[in-house]
């Protein structure tokens, strides 16, 4: 998924310290199965923002997924 931002920060909301850790977690988690149910059109975006959080370049802080 192409996210609408270019700056991310770790650790993410699940405690992963790198993008590689987050990627491995995604592959073994329930997120792919949930996304395939199509029960919520923003689920993929929500899951991605938990794993690859947006970073506010002015404060160097994570921006929560629902903001």
Protein backbone atom coordinates (compact mmCIF):
# COMPACT_ATOMS: atom_id res chain seq x y z
CA UNK A 1 0.00 0.00 0.00
CA UNK A 2 1.25 3.46 -0.84
CA UNK A 3 0.81 5.61 2.23
CA UNK A 4 0.11 9.33 1.83
CA UNK A 5 3.20 10.34 3.81
CA UNK A 6 6.97 10.12 3.49
CA UNK A 7 8.21 10.37 7.09
CA UNK A 8 7.88 7.49 9.52
CA UNK A 9 9.25 6.82 12.98
CA UNK A 10 10.07 3.75 15.06
CA UNK A 11 9.37 2.12 17.37
CA UNK A 12 5.86 1.72 16.03
CA UNK A 13 2.71 1.15 18.10
CA UNK A 14 3.48 -2.57 18.41
CA UNK A 15 7.05 -2.00 19.62
CA UNK A 16 8.84 -2.90 16.39
CA UNK A 17 12.12 -1.02 16.12
CA UNK A 18 12.62 -1.34 12.35
CA UNK A 19 10.57 -1.55 9.17
CA UNK A 20 11.87 -5.09 8.69
CA UNK A 21 10.48 -6.14 12.11
CA UNK A 22 7.13 -4.56 11.22
CA UNK A 23 7.07 -6.36 7.86
CA UNK A 24 7.73 -9.73 9.48
CA UNK A 25 4.99 -9.03 12.02
CA UNK A 26 2.50 -8.13 9.26
CA UNK A 27 3.13 -11.40 7.48
CA UNK A 28 2.46 -13.48 10.59
CA UNK A 29 -0.41 -11.44 12.04
CA UNK A 30 -4.15 -11.53 11.57
CA UNK A 31 -4.17 -8.24 9.63
CA UNK A 32 -3.98 -9.85 6.16
CA UNK A 33 -6.94 -12.11 6.94
CA UNK A 34 -8.95 -9.20 8.33
CA UNK A 35 -8.21 -7.02 5.31
CA UNK A 36 -9.44 -9.77 2.99
CA UNK A 37 -12.85 -9.76 4.68
CA UNK A 38 -13.49 -6.26 3.28
CA UNK A 39 -15.49 -5.48 6.42
CA UNK A 40 -14.08 -1.96 6.70
CA UNK A 41 -12.70 -0.01 3.77
CA UNK A 42 -10.05 1.76 5.86
CA UNK A 43 -8.73 -1.32 7.66
CA UNK A 44 -5.66 -1.65 5.43
CA UNK A 45 -4.75 2.00 5.97
CA UNK A 46 -5.34 1.67 9.73
CA UNK A 47 -3.17 -1.45 9.95
CA UNK A 48 -0.41 0.20 7.94
CA UNK A 49 -0.38 3.30 10.13
CA UNK A 50 0.00 1.10 13.21
CA UNK A 51 2.93 -0.75 11.66
CA UNK A 52 4.47 2.23 9.81
CA UNK A 53 3.46 5.30 11.83
CA UNK A 54 3.53 8.75 10.33
CA UNK A 55 6.08 11.09 11.89
CA UNK A 56 5.41 14.79 12.45
CA UNK A 57 8.56 16.36 11.00
CA UNK A 58 8.26 19.39 13.27
CA UNK A 59 8.03 17.48 16.56
CA UNK A 60 9.55 14.09 15.63
CA UNK A 61 6.52 12.45 17.25
CA UNK A 62 4.30 9.65 15.97
CA UNK A 63 0.90 10.73 14.70
CA UNK A 64 -1.80 8.32 15.93
CA UNK A 65 -3.56 6.20 13.25
CA UNK A 66 -6.92 7.89 13.64
CA UNK A 67 -5.65 11.46 13.31
